[in-house]
Amino acid sequence: MAQHSRKGAQIQALTANRLTDGVVVYLTPQNTWSPSLQDAEVVEGKEACDALLARGQLFFEPGNEVLDVYLFEVEKTDSGIRAASVREVIRQAGPTVRTDLGKQAELEGVHA
């Protein structure tokens, strides 16, 4: 599986797309998938990242719950976990062309 993080990234989480509806999900410490990045298991170091990726791939083969399982770099902030790349920020928020649809519309209702 592809790994979308810069070389040497230390803090990572695991993401995929849920097969039933295509929603972006994150692997949690409870070995479940959540649509919230804040629920994601965050690990540091090569061995922990390799182990997290191996756990996530079990849901792809043969379970077929998710697809496109990969690690990506995250940062820990005072307000929680944040994706380090623009690509993952966009995947987390949803389409950028129609902010009245999907996750962005839901968030707008919260902030209105």
Protein backbone atom coordinates (compact mmCIF):
# COMPACT_ATOMS: atom_id res chain seq x y z
CA MET A 1 0.00 0.00 0.00
CA ALA A 2 1.11 3.54 -0.64
CA GLN A 3 2.55 5.56 2.18
CA HIS A 4 1.77 9.27 1.97
CA SER A 5 4.26 10.85 4.33
CA ARG A 6 7.61 12.46 3.96
CA LYS A 7 10.62 10.27 4.43
CA GLY A 8 11.59 9.96 8.07
CA ALA A 9 8.17 10.96 9.42
CA GLN A 10 7.92 9.85 13.02
CA ILE A 11 4.31 10.40 14.14
CA GLN A 12 1.76 8.65 11.95
CA ALA A 13 -1.81 7.40 11.82
CA LEU A 14 -3.53 4.94 9.48
CA THR A 15 -6.28 5.87 7.08
CA ALA A 16 -8.43 4.13 4.49
CA ASN A 17 -11.75 4.48 2.71
CA ARG A 18 -14.72 2.50 3.99
CA LEU A 19 -15.82 0.15 1.24
CA THR A 20 -19.58 0.50 1.84
CA ASP A 21 -19.75 4.27 1.27
CA GLY A 22 -16.25 5.59 0.49
CA VAL A 23 -15.99 7.64 3.69
CA VAL A 24 -12.45 8.42 4.90
CA VAL A 25 -11.80 6.49 8.12
CA TYR A 26 -8.97 6.12 10.64
CA LEU A 27 -7.88 3.04 12.61
CA THR A 28 -8.47 3.44 16.35
CA PRO A 29 -6.62 1.85 19.29
CA GLN A 30 -9.69 -0.41 19.70
CA ASN A 31 -9.07 -1.82 16.20
CA THR A 32 -12.18 -0.20 14.75
CA TRP A 33 -12.51 2.43 12.01
CA SER A 34 -13.71 5.94 12.85
CA PRO A 35 -14.53 8.85 10.52
CA SER A 36 -12.90 11.20 13.07
CA LEU A 37 -9.16 11.77 12.99
CA GLN A 38 -9.35 12.56 16.71
CA ASP A 39 -10.16 8.89 17.36
CA ALA A 40 -7.14 7.61 15.41
CA GLU A 41 -4.33 5.64 16.96
CA VAL A 42 -1.14 7.67 16.64
CA VAL A 43 2.21 5.89 16.73
CA GLU A 44 5.85 6.88 16.60
CA GLY A 45 8.83 5.08 15.11
CA LYS A 46 9.32 2.64 12.28
CA GLU A 47 8.42 -0.55 14.17
CA ALA A 48 5.18 0.89 15.58
CA CYS A 49 4.24 2.28 12.16
CA ASP A 50 4.90 -1.06 10.47
CA ALA A 51 2.76 -2.84 13.09
CA LEU A 52 -0.09 -0.35 12.67
CA LEU A 53 0.00 -0.75 8.88
CA ALA A 54 -0.05 -4.55 9.22
CA ARG A 55 -3.11 -4.35 11.51
CA GLY A 56 -4.92 -2.12 9.05
CA GLN A 57 -4.19 -4.35 6.09
CA LEU A 58 -6.05 -7.19 7.84
CA PHE A 59 -9.26 -5.24 7.21
CA PHE A 60 -8.45 -5.05 3.50
CA GLU A 61 -7.33 -8.60 2.92
CA PRO A 62 -9.45 -10.74 3.22
CA GLY A 63 -12.07 -8.74 5.16
CA ASN A 64 -12.76 -6.12 2.50
CA GLU A 65 -14.07 -3.59 5.02
CA VAL A 66 -11.80 -0.83 3.73
CA LEU A 67 -9.53 -0.11 0.79
CA ASP A 68 -6.46 2.02 0.12
CA VAL A 69 -4.98 1.47 3.59
CA TYR A 70 -1.92 3.66 4.25
CA LEU A 71 0.04 5.57 6.87
CA PHE A 72 0.23 9.35 6.88
CA GLU A 73 2.03 11.92 8.97
CA VAL A 74 0.20 13.69 11.77
CA GLU A 75 1.05 16.31 14.36
CA LYS A 76 -0.13 16.50 17.94
CA THR A 77 -1.42 19.96 18.89
CA ASP A 78 -3.12 21.46 21.92
CA SER A 79 -6.45 21.02 20.13
CA GLY A 80 -5.84 17.39 19.11
CA ILE A 81 -4.45 15.47 16.16
CA ARG A 82 -3.85 17.32 12.90
CA ALA A 83 -2.87 15.96 9.49
CA ALA A 84 0.53 17.29 8.44
CA SER A 85 -0.14 17.37 4.69
CA VAL A 86 -2.63 19.40 2.66
CA ARG A 87 -3.71 16.20 0.91
CA GLU A 88 -4.85 14.62 4.17
CA VAL A 89 -6.50 17.82 5.40
CA ILE A 90 -8.59 17.82 2.22
CA ARG A 91 -9.43 14.11 2.53
CA GLN A 92 -10.52 14.70 6.13
CA ALA A 93 -12.74 17.69 5.28
CA GLY A 94 -14.28 16.39 2.08
CA PRO A 95 -14.63 17.85 -1.42
CA THR A 96 -13.37 21.39 -1.93
CA VAL A 97 -15.66 22.30 -4.82
CA ARG A 98 -19.00 22.10 -3.00
CA THR A 99 -18.73 23.23 0.61
CA ASP A 100 -22.51 22.96 0.94
CA LEU A 101 -22.24 19.15 0.75
CA GLY A 102 -20.67 16.45 2.90
CA LYS A 103 -18.57 17.01 6.00
CA GLN A 104 -17.98 20.69 5.27
CA ALA A 105 -21.74 21.41 5.25
CA GLU A 106 -22.14 19.54 8.52
CA LEU A 107 -19.35 21.57 10.13
CA GLU A 108 -20.80 24.83 8.83
CA GLY A 109 -24.06 24.07 10.66
CA VAL A 110 -22.08 23.61 13.87
CA HIS A 111 -20.22 26.92 13.47
CA ALA A 112 -23.15 29.00 12.22
